[in-house]
C-alpha atoms as a PDB file:
ATOM      1  CA  UNK A   1     -32.859 -38.035   5.259  1.00  0.00           C
ATOM      2  CA  UNK A   2     -29.901 -37.030   7.439  1.00  0.00           C
ATOM      3  CA  UNK A   3     -27.483 -39.734   8.527  1.00  0.00           C
ATOM      4  CA  UNK A   4     -26.053 -40.370  11.990  1.00  0.00           C
ATOM      5  CA  UNK A   5     -23.518 -37.735  13.063  1.00  0.00           C
ATOM      6  CA  UNK A   6     -24.541 -35.393  10.293  1.00  0.00           C
ATOM      7  CA  UNK A   7     -26.113 -31.989  10.776  1.00  0.00           C
ATOM      8  CA  UNK A   8     -28.503 -30.111   8.623  1.00  0.00           C
ATOM      9  CA  UNK A   9     -26.840 -27.399   6.533  1.00  0.00           C
ATOM     10  CA  UNK A  10     -28.277 -23.965   7.130  1.00  0.00           C
ATOM     11  CA  UNK A  11     -28.163 -21.596   4.172  1.00  0.00           C
ATOM     12  CA  UNK A  12     -25.983 -18.564   4.855  1.00  0.00           C
ATOM     13  CA  UNK A  13     -27.814 -15.299   4.523  1.00  0.00           C
ATOM     14  CA  UNK A  14     -26.147 -12.511   2.511  1.00  0.00           C
ATOM     15  CA  UNK A  15     -24.273 -10.033   4.640  1.00  0.00           C
ATOM     16  CA  UNK A  16     -26.075  -6.770   5.233  1.00  0.00           C
ATOM     17  CA  UNK A  17     -24.308  -3.642   4.031  1.00  0.00           C
ATOM     18  CA  UNK A  18     -22.407  -1.893   6.834  1.00  0.00           C
ATOM     19  CA  UNK A  19     -24.137   1.102   8.410  1.00  0.00           C
ATOM     20  CA  UNK A  20     -20.916   2.375  10.032  1.00  0.00           C
ATOM     21  CA  UNK A  21     -17.250   2.269   9.107  1.00  0.00           C
ATOM     22  CA  UNK A  22     -14.809  -0.230  10.612  1.00  0.00           C
ATOM     23  CA  UNK A  23     -12.111   1.332  12.838  1.00  0.00           C
ATOM     24  CA  UNK A  24      -9.392   1.561  10.179  1.00  0.00           C
ATOM     25  CA  UNK A  25     -11.709   3.162   7.618  1.00  0.00           C
ATOM     26  CA  UNK A  26     -13.047   5.556  10.252  1.00  0.00           C
ATOM     27  CA  UNK A  27      -9.483   6.572  11.153  1.00  0.00           C
ATOM     28  CA  UNK A  28      -8.730   7.288   7.491  1.00  0.00           C
ATOM     29  CA  UNK A  29     -11.880   9.392   7.224  1.00  0.00           C
ATOM     30  CA  UNK A  30     -10.762  11.417  10.261  1.00  0.00           C
ATOM     31  CA  UNK A  31      -7.325  11.949   8.672  1.00  0.00           C
ATOM     32  CA  UNK A  32      -9.014  13.328   5.547  1.00  0.00           C
ATOM     33  CA  UNK A  33     -11.191  15.623   7.661  1.00  0.00           C
ATOM     34  CA  UNK A  34      -8.094  17.001   9.417  1.00  0.00           C
ATOM     35  CA  UNK A  35      -6.290  17.589   6.104  1.00  0.00           C
ATOM     36  CA  UNK A  36      -9.295  19.364   4.646  1.00  0.00           C
ATOM     37  CA  UNK A  37      -9.876  21.395   7.792  1.00  0.00           C
ATOM     38  CA  UNK A  38      -6.311  22.728   7.769  1.00  0.00           C
ATOM     39  CA  UNK A  39      -6.709  23.333   4.047  1.00  0.00           C
ATOM     40  CA  UNK A  40      -8.897  26.417   4.576  1.00  0.00           C
ATOM     41  CA  UNK A  41      -6.111  28.262   6.411  1.00  0.00           C
ATOM     42  CA  UNK A  42      -3.616  27.140   3.759  1.00  0.00           C
ATOM     43  CA  UNK A  43      -5.894  28.370   0.972  1.00  0.00           C
ATOM     44  CA  UNK A  44      -6.404  31.665   2.795  1.00  0.00           C
ATOM     45  CA  UNK A  45      -2.647  32.193   2.834  1.00  0.00           C
ATOM     46  CA  UNK A  46      -2.321  31.333  -0.857  1.00  0.00           C
ATOM     47  CA  UNK A  47      -5.218  33.516  -1.998  1.00  0.00           C
ATOM     48  CA  UNK A  48      -3.333  36.577  -0.842  1.00  0.00           C
ATOM     49  CA  UNK A  49      -1.150  36.265  -3.938  1.00  0.00           C
ATOM     50  CA  UNK A  50      -3.276  34.315  -6.434  1.00  0.00           C
ATOM     51  CA  UNK A  51      -6.752  35.040  -7.847  1.00  0.00           C
ATOM     52  CA  UNK A  52      -9.107  32.348  -6.469  1.00  0.00           C
ATOM     53  CA  UNK A  53     -10.237  30.680  -9.682  1.00  0.00           C
ATOM     54  CA  UNK A  54      -6.720  30.658 -11.100  1.00  0.00           C
ATOM     55  CA  UNK A  55      -5.530  29.120  -7.834  1.00  0.00           C
ATOM     56  CA  UNK A  56      -7.975  26.236  -8.326  1.00  0.00           C
ATOM     57  CA  UNK A  57      -7.002  25.854 -11.993  1.00  0.00           C
ATOM     58  CA  UNK A  58      -3.295  25.585 -11.177  1.00  0.00           C
ATOM     59  CA  UNK A  59      -4.108  23.172  -8.368  1.00  0.00           C
ATOM     60  CA  UNK A  60      -5.861  20.680 -10.616  1.00  0.00           C
ATOM     61  CA  UNK A  61      -3.420  21.124 -13.487  1.00  0.00           C
ATOM     62  CA  UNK A  62      -0.698  19.916 -11.118  1.00  0.00           C
ATOM     63  CA  UNK A  63      -2.948  17.101  -9.919  1.00  0.00           C
ATOM     64  CA  UNK A  64      -3.228  15.848 -13.499  1.00  0.00           C
ATOM     65  CA  UNK A  65       0.370  16.396 -14.653  1.00  0.00           C
ATOM     66  CA  UNK A  66       2.505  14.352 -14.329  1.00  0.00           C
ATOM     67  CA  UNK A  67       0.411  11.814 -12.344  1.00  0.00           C
ATOM     68  CA  UNK A  68      -1.860  11.022 -15.288  1.00  0.00           C
ATOM     69  CA  UNK A  69       1.110   9.474 -17.125  1.00  0.00           C
ATOM     70  CA  UNK A  70       1.867   7.037 -14.288  1.00  0.00           C
ATOM     71  CA  UNK A  71      -1.457   6.283 -12.599  1.00  0.00           C
ATOM     72  CA  UNK A  72      -3.559   3.674 -14.448  1.00  0.00           C
ATOM     73  CA  UNK A  73      -7.013   4.659 -15.643  1.00  0.00           C
ATOM     74  CA  UNK A  74      -9.759   3.687 -13.193  1.00  0.00           C
ATOM     75  CA  UNK A  75     -11.759   0.561 -13.956  1.00  0.00           C
ATOM     76  CA  UNK A  76     -14.922   2.521 -14.636  1.00  0.00           C
ATOM     77  CA  UNK A  77     -16.805   4.075 -17.517  1.00  0.00           C
ATOM     78  CA  UNK A  78     -15.208   7.309 -18.692  1.00  0.00           C
ATOM     79  CA  UNK A  79     -18.494   9.184 -18.409  1.00  0.00           C
ATOM     80  CA  UNK A  80     -18.706   8.244 -14.725  1.00  0.00           C
ATOM     81  CA  UNK A  81     -15.084   9.313 -14.141  1.00  0.00           C
ATOM     82  CA  UNK A  82     -15.725  12.600 -15.929  1.00  0.00           C
ATOM     83  CA  UNK A  83     -18.899  13.102 -13.879  1.00  0.00           C
ATOM     84  CA  UNK A  84     -16.912  12.738 -10.652  1.00  0.00           C
ATOM     85  CA  UNK A  85     -14.456  15.371 -11.854  1.00  0.00           C
ATOM     86  CA  UNK A  86     -17.187  17.693 -13.105  1.00  0.00           C
ATOM     87  CA  UNK A  87     -19.079  17.513  -9.820  1.00  0.00           C
ATOM     88  CA  UNK A  88     -16.556  16.906  -7.042  1.00  0.00           C
ATOM     89  CA  UNK A  89     -13.751  19.076  -8.437  1.00  0.00           C
ATOM     90  CA  UNK A  90     -14.832  21.417 -11.244  1.00  0.00           C
ATOM     91  CA  UNK A  91     -18.268  22.230  -9.876  1.00  0.00           C
ATOM     92  CA  UNK A  92     -17.372  22.307  -6.204  1.00  0.00           C
ATOM     93  CA  UNK A  93     -14.245  24.435  -6.488  1.00  0.00           C
ATOM     94  CA  UNK A  94     -15.457  26.502  -9.418  1.00  0.00           C
ATOM     95  CA  UNK A  95     -18.485  27.566  -7.382  1.00  0.00           C
ATOM     96  CA  UNK A  96     -16.553  27.818  -4.105  1.00  0.00           C
ATOM     97  CA  UNK A  97     -13.670  29.928  -5.384  1.00  0.00           C
ATOM     98  CA  UNK A  98     -16.088  32.159  -7.288  1.00  0.00           C
ATOM     99  CA  UNK A  99     -18.080  32.566  -4.080  1.00  0.00           C
ATOM    100  CA  UNK A 100     -14.912  33.584  -2.235  1.00  0.00           C
ATOM    101  CA  UNK A 101     -14.175  36.145  -4.945  1.00  0.00           C
ATOM    102  CA  UNK A 102     -17.756  37.445  -4.622  1.00  0.00           C
ATOM    103  CA  UNK A 103     -17.324  38.146  -0.917  1.00  0.00           C
ATOM    104  CA  UNK A 104     -18.026  34.859   0.879  1.00  0.00           C
ATOM    105  CA  UNK A 105     -15.895  34.717   4.070  1.00  0.00           C
ATOM    106  CA  UNK A 106     -13.625  31.657   4.080  1.00  0.00           C
ATOM    107  CA  UNK A 107     -14.678  30.569   7.571  1.00  0.00           C
ATOM    108  CA  UNK A 108     -18.368  30.778   6.782  1.00  0.00           C
ATOM    109  CA  UNK A 109     -17.752  28.995   3.475  1.00  0.00           C
ATOM    110  CA  UNK A 110     -16.226  26.041   5.345  1.00  0.00           C
ATOM    111  CA  UNK A 111     -19.453  25.785   7.344  1.00  0.00           C
ATOM    112  CA  UNK A 112     -21.993  26.278   4.557  1.00  0.00           C
ATOM    113  CA  UNK A 113     -20.114  23.783   2.409  1.00  0.00           C
ATOM    114  CA  UNK A 114     -20.948  21.085   4.949  1.00  0.00           C
ATOM    115  CA  UNK A 115     -24.521  21.173   3.692  1.00  0.00           C
ATOM    116  CA  UNK A 116     -23.155  18.523   1.321  1.00  0.00           C
ATOM    117  CA  UNK A 117     -23.458  15.993   4.166  1.00  0.00           C
ATOM    118  CA  UNK A 118     -27.240  16.254   4.259  1.00  0.00           C
ATOM    119  CA  UNK A 119     -27.445  16.583   0.481  1.00  0.00           C
ATOM    120  CA  UNK A 120     -25.329  13.463  -0.078  1.00  0.00           C
ATOM    121  CA  UNK A 121     -27.565  11.344   2.155  1.00  0.00           C
ATOM    122  CA  UNK A 122     -30.574  12.739   0.270  1.00  0.00           C
ATOM    123  CA  UNK A 123     -29.055  12.227  -3.199  1.00  0.00           C
ATOM    124  CA  UNK A 124     -27.861   8.713  -2.308  1.00  0.00           C
ATOM    125  CA  UNK A 125     -31.307   7.729  -1.106  1.00  0.00           C
ATOM    126  CA  UNK A 126     -32.816   8.943  -4.373  1.00  0.00           C
ATOM    127  CA  UNK A 127     -30.180   7.804  -6.869  1.00  0.00           C
ATOM    128  CA  UNK A 128     -28.755   4.698  -5.170  1.00  0.00           C
ATOM    129  CA  UNK A 129     -31.697   3.746  -2.943  1.00  0.00           C
ATOM    130  CA  UNK A 130     -29.426   3.716   0.096  1.00  0.00           C
ATOM    131  CA  UNK A 131     -31.826   4.073   2.990  1.00  0.00           C
ATOM    132  CA  UNK A 132     -30.225   5.872   5.946  1.00  0.00           C
ATOM    133  CA  UNK A 133     -30.673   4.297   9.354  1.00  0.00           C
ATOM    134  CA  UNK A 134     -32.467   6.106  12.146  1.00  0.00           C
ATOM    135  CA  UNK A 135     -29.127   6.796  13.870  1.00  0.00           C
ATOM    136  CA  UNK A 136     -27.708   8.315  10.703  1.00  0.00           C
ATOM    137  CA  UNK A 137     -30.706  10.579  10.262  1.00  0.00           C
ATOM    138  CA  UNK A 138     -30.544  11.711  13.889  1.00  0.00           C
ATOM    139  CA  UNK A 139     -26.792  12.272  13.625  1.00  0.00           C
ATOM    140  CA  UNK A 140     -27.114  14.308  10.439  1.00  0.00           C
ATOM    141  CA  UNK A 141     -29.816  16.457  12.022  1.00  0.00           C
ATOM    142  CA  UNK A 142     -27.741  17.046  15.164  1.00  0.00           C
ATOM    143  CA  UNK A 143     -24.683  17.873  13.069  1.00  0.00           C
ATOM    144  CA  UNK A 144     -26.694  20.196  10.859  1.00  0.00           C
ATOM    145  CA  UNK A 145     -27.981  21.941  13.982  1.00  0.00           C
ATOM    146  CA  UNK A 146     -24.375  22.413  15.074  1.00  0.00           C
ATOM    147  CA  UNK A 147     -23.547  23.994  11.726  1.00  0.00           C
ATOM    148  CA  UNK A 148     -26.464  26.397  12.125  1.00  0.00           C
ATOM    149  CA  UNK A 149     -25.309  27.364  15.622  1.00  0.00           C
ATOM    150  CA  UNK A 150     -21.743  28.029  14.459  1.00  0.00           C
ATOM    151  CA  UNK A 151     -22.947  29.939  11.410  1.00  0.00           C
ATOM    152  CA  UNK A 152     -25.216  32.150  13.500  1.00  0.00           C
ATOM    153  CA  UNK A 153     -22.420  32.749  15.990  1.00  0.00           C
ATOM    154  CA  UNK A 154     -20.164  34.088  13.236  1.00  0.00           C
ATOM    155  CA  UNK A 155     -22.533  36.948  12.562  1.00  0.00           C
ATOM    156  CA  UNK A 156     -20.983  37.584   9.135  1.00  0.00           C
ATOM    157  CA  UNK A 157     -22.906  39.482   6.495  1.00  0.00           C
ATOM    158  CA  UNK A 158     -22.673  37.592   3.251  1.00  0.00           C
ATOM    159  CA  UNK A 159     -23.892  38.627  -0.225  1.00  0.00           C
ATOM    160  CA  UNK A 160     -26.830  36.477  -1.298  1.00  0.00           C
ATOM    161  CA  UNK A 161     -25.122  35.537  -4.569  1.00  0.00           C
ATOM    162  CA  UNK A 162     -21.981  34.371  -2.736  1.00  0.00           C
ATOM    163  CA  UNK A 163     -24.072  32.341  -0.296  1.00  0.00           C
ATOM    164  CA  UNK A 164     -25.986  30.737  -3.181  1.00  0.00           C
ATOM    165  CA  UNK A 165     -22.725  29.884  -4.963  1.00  0.00           C
ATOM    166  CA  UNK A 166     -21.437  28.166  -1.824  1.00  0.00           C
ATOM    167  CA  UNK A 167     -24.632  26.110  -1.569  1.00  0.00           C
ATOM    168  CA  UNK A 168     -24.162  25.193  -5.245  1.00  0.00           C
ATOM    169  CA  UNK A 169     -20.631  24.035  -4.382  1.00  0.00           C
ATOM    170  CA  UNK A 170     -22.055  21.871  -1.587  1.00  0.00           C
ATOM    171  CA  UNK A 171     -24.640  20.342  -3.939  1.00  0.00           C
ATOM    172  CA  UNK A 172     -21.939  19.672  -6.537  1.00  0.00           C
ATOM    173  CA  UNK A 173     -19.752  17.932  -3.942  1.00  0.00           C
ATOM    174  CA  UNK A 174     -22.708  15.829  -2.836  1.00  0.00           C
ATOM    175  CA  UNK A 175     -23.433  14.800  -6.425  1.00  0.00           C
ATOM    176  CA  UNK A 176     -19.787  13.803  -6.854  1.00  0.00           C
ATOM    177  CA  UNK A 177     -19.970  11.677  -3.703  1.00  0.00           C
ATOM    178  CA  UNK A 178     -22.950   9.801  -5.097  1.00  0.00           C
ATOM    179  CA  UNK A 179     -21.342   9.252  -8.519  1.00  0.00           C
ATOM    180  CA  UNK A 180     -18.183   7.950  -6.829  1.00  0.00           C
ATOM    181  CA  UNK A 181     -20.278   5.597  -4.731  1.00  0.00           C
ATOM    182  CA  UNK A 182     -22.141   4.438  -7.863  1.00  0.00           C
ATOM    183  CA  UNK A 183     -18.829   3.490  -9.461  1.00  0.00           C
ATOM    184  CA  UNK A 184     -18.014   1.329  -6.446  1.00  0.00           C
ATOM    185  CA  UNK A 185     -21.460  -0.261  -6.489  1.00  0.00           C
ATOM    186  CA  UNK A 186     -21.174  -1.003 -10.215  1.00  0.00           C
ATOM    187  CA  UNK A 187     -17.788  -2.668  -9.660  1.00  0.00           C
ATOM    188  CA  UNK A 188     -19.236  -4.836  -6.908  1.00  0.00           C
ATOM    189  CA  UNK A 189     -22.220  -5.813  -9.073  1.00  0.00           C
ATOM    190  CA  UNK A 190     -19.867  -6.766 -11.898  1.00  0.00           C
ATOM    191  CA  UNK A 191     -17.923  -9.059  -9.576  1.00  0.00           C
ATOM    192  CA  UNK A 192     -14.777  -6.913  -9.541  1.00  0.00           C
ATOM    193  CA  UNK A 193     -12.741  -8.161  -6.594  1.00  0.00           C
ATOM    194  CA  UNK A 194     -10.830  -4.907  -6.121  1.00  0.00           C
ATOM    195  CA  UNK A 195     -12.756  -1.605  -6.163  1.00  0.00           C
ATOM    196  CA  UNK A 196     -11.624   1.283  -8.310  1.00  0.00           C
ATOM    197  CA  UNK A 197      -8.512   2.910  -6.873  1.00  0.00           C
ATOM    198  CA  UNK A 198      -9.256   6.175  -5.136  1.00  0.00           C
ATOM    199  CA  UNK A 199      -6.003   7.689  -6.437  1.00  0.00           C
ATOM    200  CA  UNK A 200      -6.692   6.741 -10.046  1.00  0.00           C
ATOM    201  CA  UNK A 201     -10.219   8.148  -9.817  1.00  0.00           C
ATOM    202  CA  UNK A 202      -8.895  11.379  -8.275  1.00  0.00           C
ATOM    203  CA  UNK A 203      -6.219  11.889 -10.942  1.00  0.00           C
ATOM    204  CA  UNK A 204      -8.224  10.928 -14.016  1.00  0.00           C
ATOM    205  CA  UNK A 205     -11.387  12.731 -12.936  1.00  0.00           C
ATOM    206  CA  UNK A 206      -9.312  15.910 -12.590  1.00  0.00           C
ATOM    207  CA  UNK A 207      -8.573  15.864 -16.347  1.00  0.00           C
ATOM    208  CA  UNK A 208     -11.844  17.735 -17.003  1.00  0.00           C
ATOM    209  CA  UNK A 209     -11.093  20.487 -14.459  1.00  0.00           C
ATOM    210  CA  UNK A 210      -8.150  22.789 -15.399  1.00  0.00           C
ATOM    211  CA  UNK A 211      -9.230  24.123 -18.811  1.00  0.00           C
ATOM    212  CA  UNK A 212     -12.705  25.350 -17.733  1.00  0.00           C
ATOM    213  CA  UNK A 213     -11.251  26.914 -14.584  1.00  0.00           C
ATOM    214  CA  UNK A 214      -8.484  28.667 -16.515  1.00  0.00           C
ATOM    215  CA  UNK A 215     -11.141  30.022 -18.883  1.00  0.00           C
ATOM    216  CA  UNK A 216     -13.244  31.174 -15.927  1.00  0.00           C
ATOM    217  CA  UNK A 217     -10.205  32.888 -14.413  1.00  0.00           C
ATOM    218  CA  UNK A 218      -9.542  34.745 -17.652  1.00  0.00           C
ATOM    219  CA  UNK A 219     -13.116  36.039 -17.561  1.00  0.00           C
ATOM    220  CA  UNK A 220     -13.187  36.936 -13.858  1.00  0.00           C
ATOM    221  CA  UNK A 221      -9.615  38.154 -13.344  1.00  0.00           C
ATOM    222  CA  UNK A 222      -8.518  39.231 -16.823  1.00  0.00           C
ATOM    223  CA  UNK A 223      -5.587  38.054 -18.967  1.00  0.00           C
ATOM    224  CA  UNK A 224      -3.211  40.563 -17.404  1.00  0.00           C
ATOM    225  CA  UNK A 225      -3.729  39.341 -13.831  1.00  0.00           C
ATOM    226  CA  UNK A 226      -3.509  35.704 -14.907  1.00  0.00           C
ATOM    227  CA  UNK A 227      -0.282  36.238 -16.861  1.00  0.00           C
ATOM    228  CA  UNK A 228       1.352  38.255 -14.093  1.00  0.00           C
ATOM    229  CA  UNK A 229       0.477  35.685 -11.410  1.00  0.00           C
ATOM    230  CA  UNK A 230       1.808  32.770 -13.439  1.00  0.00           C
ATOM    231  CA  UNK A 231       5.013  34.634 -14.309  1.00  0.00           C
ATOM    232  CA  UNK A 232       5.705  35.781 -10.728  1.00  0.00           C
ATOM    233  CA  UNK A 233       4.749  33.023  -8.261  1.00  0.00           C
ATOM    234  CA  UNK A 234       5.411  33.775  -4.587  1.00  0.00           C
ATOM    235  CA  UNK A 235       6.693  31.379  -1.942  1.00  0.00           C
ATOM    236  CA  UNK A 236       3.380  31.483  -0.062  1.00  0.00           C
ATOM    237  CA  UNK A 237       1.476  30.637  -3.238  1.00  0.00           C
ATOM    238  CA  UNK A 238       3.877  27.794  -4.074  1.00  0.00           C
ATOM    239  CA  UNK A 239       3.642  26.238  -0.586  1.00  0.00           C
ATOM    240  CA  UNK A 240      -0.120  26.645  -0.514  1.00  0.00           C
ATOM    241  CA  UNK A 241      -0.439  25.055  -3.942  1.00  0.00           C
ATOM    242  CA  UNK A 242       1.780  22.128  -2.904  1.00  0.00           C
ATOM    243  CA  UNK A 243      -0.405  21.447   0.141  1.00  0.00           C
ATOM    244  CA  UNK A 244      -3.666  21.620  -1.800  1.00  0.00           C
ATOM    245  CA  UNK A 245      -2.312  19.427  -4.608  1.00  0.00           C
ATOM    246  CA  UNK A 246      -0.467  16.658  -2.766  1.00  0.00           C
ATOM    247  CA  UNK A 247      -2.197  16.494   0.617  1.00  0.00           C
ATOM    248  CA  UNK A 248      -5.687  17.874   0.122  1.00  0.00           C
ATOM    249  CA  UNK A 249      -6.315  16.495  -3.374  1.00  0.00           C
ATOM    250  CA  UNK A 250      -4.105  13.499  -4.177  1.00  0.00           C
ATOM    251  CA  UNK A 251      -3.987  12.052  -0.667  1.00  0.00           C
ATOM    252  CA  UNK A 252      -7.264  13.402   0.701  1.00  0.00           C
ATOM    253  CA  UNK A 253      -9.507  12.683  -2.267  1.00  0.00           C
ATOM    254  CA  UNK A 254      -7.622   9.475  -3.017  1.00  0.00           C
ATOM    255  CA  UNK A 255      -8.598   8.135   0.419  1.00  0.00           C
ATOM    256  CA  UNK A 256     -12.064   9.667   0.189  1.00  0.00           C
ATOM    257  CA  UNK A 257     -12.952   8.098  -3.162  1.00  0.00           C
ATOM    258  CA  UNK A 258     -11.621   4.735  -1.969  1.00  0.00           C
ATOM    259  CA  UNK A 259     -13.896   4.870   1.083  1.00  0.00           C
ATOM    260  CA  UNK A 260     -16.895   5.830  -1.042  1.00  0.00           C
ATOM    261  CA  UNK A 261     -16.178   2.906  -3.368  1.00  0.00           C
ATOM    262  CA  UNK A 262     -16.267   0.438  -0.458  1.00  0.00           C
ATOM    263  CA  UNK A 263     -18.895   1.769   1.948  1.00  0.00           C
ATOM    264  CA  UNK A 264     -22.316   3.457   1.716  1.00  0.00           C
ATOM    265  CA  UNK A 265     -22.177   7.204   1.207  1.00  0.00           C
ATOM    266  CA  UNK A 266     -24.363   7.770   4.277  1.00  0.00           C
ATOM    267  CA  UNK A 267     -21.652   6.147   6.445  1.00  0.00           C
ATOM    268  CA  UNK A 268     -18.679   7.990   4.908  1.00  0.00           C
ATOM    269  CA  UNK A 269     -19.846  11.526   4.211  1.00  0.00           C
ATOM    270  CA  UNK A 270     -20.793  12.571   7.785  1.00  0.00           C
ATOM    271  CA  UNK A 271     -17.092  12.596   8.707  1.00  0.00           C
ATOM    272  CA  UNK A 272     -16.727  15.836   6.739  1.00  0.00           C
ATOM    273  CA  UNK A 273     -18.721  17.498   9.506  1.00  0.00           C
ATOM    274  CA  UNK A 274     -15.419  17.489  11.398  1.00  0.00           C
ATOM    275  CA  UNK A 275     -13.859  19.770   8.781  1.00  0.00           C
ATOM    276  CA  UNK A 276     -15.181  23.102  10.123  1.00  0.00           C
ATOM    277  CA  UNK A 277     -14.195  22.090  13.652  1.00  0.00           C
ATOM    278  CA  UNK A 278     -10.631  21.404  12.528  1.00  0.00           C
ATOM    279  CA  UNK A 279     -10.673  24.567  10.428  1.00  0.00           C
ATOM    280  CA  UNK A 280     -11.724  26.699  13.406  1.00  0.00           C
ATOM    281  CA  UNK A 281      -9.088  25.099  15.639  1.00  0.00           C
ATOM    282  CA  UNK A 282      -6.379  25.652  13.010  1.00  0.00           C
ATOM    283  CA  UNK A 283      -7.391  29.274  12.555  1.00  0.00           C
ATOM    284  CA  UNK A 284      -7.188  29.710  16.335  1.00  0.00           C
ATOM    285  CA  UNK A 285      -3.707  28.161  16.570  1.00  0.00           C
ATOM    286  CA  UNK A 286      -2.214  29.701  13.427  1.00  0.00           C
ATOM    287  CA  UNK A 287      -4.073  32.977  12.983  1.00  0.00           C
ATOM    288  CA  UNK A 288      -5.045  33.670  16.580  1.00  0.00           C
ATOM    289  CA  UNK A 289      -8.777  33.548  15.833  1.00  0.00           C
ATOM    290  CA  UNK A 290     -10.458  32.534  19.103  1.00  0.00           C
ATOM    291  CA  UNK A 291     -13.907  30.945  18.666  1.00  0.00           C
ATOM    292  CA  UNK A 292     -16.684  32.449  20.779  1.00  0.00           C
ATOM    293  CA  UNK A 293     -19.065  30.490  22.958  1.00  0.00           C
ATOM    294  CA  UNK A 294     -21.554  29.912  20.155  1.00  0.00           C
ATOM    295  CA  UNK A 295     -18.901  28.560  17.828  1.00  0.00           C
ATOM    296  CA  UNK A 296     -17.580  26.235  20.535  1.00  0.00           C
ATOM    297  CA  UNK A 297     -21.100  24.974  21.310  1.00  0.00           C
ATOM    298  CA  UNK A 298     -21.770  24.381  17.627  1.00  0.00           C
ATOM    299  CA  UNK A 299     -18.495  22.480  17.313  1.00  0.00           C
ATOM    300  CA  UNK A 300     -19.526  20.184  20.161  1.00  0.00           C
ATOM    301  CA  UNK A 301     -22.853  19.530  18.441  1.00  0.00           C
ATOM    302  CA  UNK A 302     -20.979  18.691  15.251  1.00  0.00           C
ATOM    303  CA  UNK A 303     -18.845  16.136  17.068  1.00  0.00           C
ATOM    304  CA  UNK A 304     -21.921  14.608  18.708  1.00  0.00           C
ATOM    305  CA  UNK A 305     -23.656  14.420  15.329  1.00  0.00           C
ATOM    306  CA  UNK A 306     -20.681  12.641  13.778  1.00  0.00           C
ATOM    307  CA  UNK A 307     -20.510  10.232  16.719  1.00  0.00           C
ATOM    308  CA  UNK A 308     -24.207   9.361  16.403  1.00  0.00           C
ATOM    309  CA  UNK A 309     -24.121   9.035  12.613  1.00  0.00           C
ATOM    310  CA  UNK A 310     -21.041   6.812  12.572  1.00  0.00           C
ATOM    311  CA  UNK A 311     -22.338   4.560  15.348  1.00  0.00           C
ATOM    312  CA  UNK A 312     -19.897   5.619  18.088  1.00  0.00           C
ATOM    313  CA  UNK A 313     -22.760   6.618  20.407  1.00  0.00           C
ATOM    314  CA  UNK A 314     -25.060   3.863  19.259  1.00  0.00           C
ATOM    315  CA  UNK A 315     -26.248   1.689  22.078  1.00  0.00           C
ATOM    316  CA  UNK A 316     -25.010  -1.813  21.623  1.00  0.00           C
ATOM    317  CA  UNK A 317     -27.657  -4.460  21.635  1.00  0.00           C
ATOM    318  CA  UNK A 318     -26.707  -7.816  22.982  1.00  0.00           C
ATOM    319  CA  UNK A 319     -27.589 -10.550  20.594  1.00  0.00           C
ATOM    320  CA  UNK A 320     -30.033 -13.062  22.058  1.00  0.00           C
ATOM    321  CA  UNK A 321     -28.422 -16.266  23.185  1.00  0.00           C
ATOM    322  CA  UNK A 322     -29.359 -19.018  20.756  1.00  0.00           C
ATOM    323  CA  UNK A 323     -31.182 -21.982  22.276  1.00  0.00           C
ATOM    324  CA  UNK A 324     -28.975 -24.879  23.123  1.00  0.00           C
ATOM    325  CA  UNK A 325     -29.123 -27.553  20.479  1.00  0.00           C
ATOM    326  CA  UNK A 326     -29.045 -31.218  21.307  1.00  0.00           C
ATOM    327  CA  UNK A 327     -25.916 -32.465  19.566  1.00  0.00           C
ATOM    328  CA  UNK A 328     -27.332 -36.039  19.443  1.00  0.00           C
ATOM    329  CA  UNK A 329     -31.024 -35.798  18.644  1.00  0.00           C
ATOM    330  CA  UNK A 330     -32.794 -39.078  18.988  1.00  0.00           C
ATOM    331  CA  UNK A 331     -34.697 -38.863  15.746  1.00  0.00           C
ATOM    332  CA  UNK A 332     -31.402 -38.762  13.768  1.00  0.00           C
ATOM    333  CA  UNK A 333     -30.126 -42.016  15.192  1.00  0.00           C
ATOM    334  CA  UNK A 334     -30.774 -44.937  12.921  1.00  0.00           C
END
C-alpha cells in the first residue's frame, strides 16, 4: 500500500558498460596516438647508431630504473603484471625490433603493427567476453581496409620472416591489451574504488623486459657491438632514447594502461589506428617523405574507421519521450 503523496520506488538498473570513450578519455587516447606516431621517426633516428634490440633493452632498463624505487607496485597479481610486460613490452618490441633488423621497413612496420586493433577486439571477445557493437565492428573493418590501402600503396618488398615477426609483435601487443583490461576488470569485481595506476603497471611490468632483450642483442649483434655502443653513446641515440623512455613509454603507456583499466578494450584500442597517420605526417614534415595518393586515401579511411568505432559518426537516436505521469493519481488518495 502506498500512502498519499508517496510514489512507488523504481529499482535502478545497473549501468551498461560504455561503448565509446568520454571526451576527456578520448583526448588522452589521441595524445598517446600522436606520441606513438612521432615515435617511429624518433626510433629511426636512434637506430642509426644503436642496434635495434639493444636499443629496446636500454629503453626498458631506463623505464625500470630508477622509477621502480619510487612508483608503488600495482594493485594486481604479479603474474598478471608480468604478463603485461611479457606481452606488451618484451614480446611486442622484441619481435618488432628483430623484424626491423631482418629487413622490415619502419614505415610498413607501423602499418602492419596496427593489426593489433583487430586482434585485440578478437582476443577481448574470447578472453573477456566483451562483445563489440555493430559500429565498432564496422569501424574496425573500415580502418583495416585503410591499412591495406596504405600498405599496398607503399609497394615495399618485405622478407616473409620480417613480415611474420611484425605480425607476431601485433599479436603480442593485442594480448597485452587484453591482460591489462583483465586487471582493470578484476579490480572492479573486487570492489576496488581506484583502478590500478597506469604508470605503476607500466613501470613494474617492464621489470621482465631488459634482461631477455639484452641477451637477444648479444646473440643478434654480438658482444663487441653491444659493448662498443654502450661505451660510446651518440647524441642522437641519447635524445631518441629519452623520447622513447619518458614520452612513448612512461607517459604513453601510463595513459594507455589507465584507459584500458577503466574502459572496454574495444573502445580504447581503435585509437591506435591514428598512429600510422601521425607517423606518415611526421615523416613528411621531418624527413620530407611525401605520401602518395594511395597513402593519403588510406589515411582518410583510417580516420573514418576510428570515428565510426569510437562513436563520433554514430547517428544519435533521440530517446522516446516518456508518457506523462499523473502526479496525483486518484487510486492513491485515501
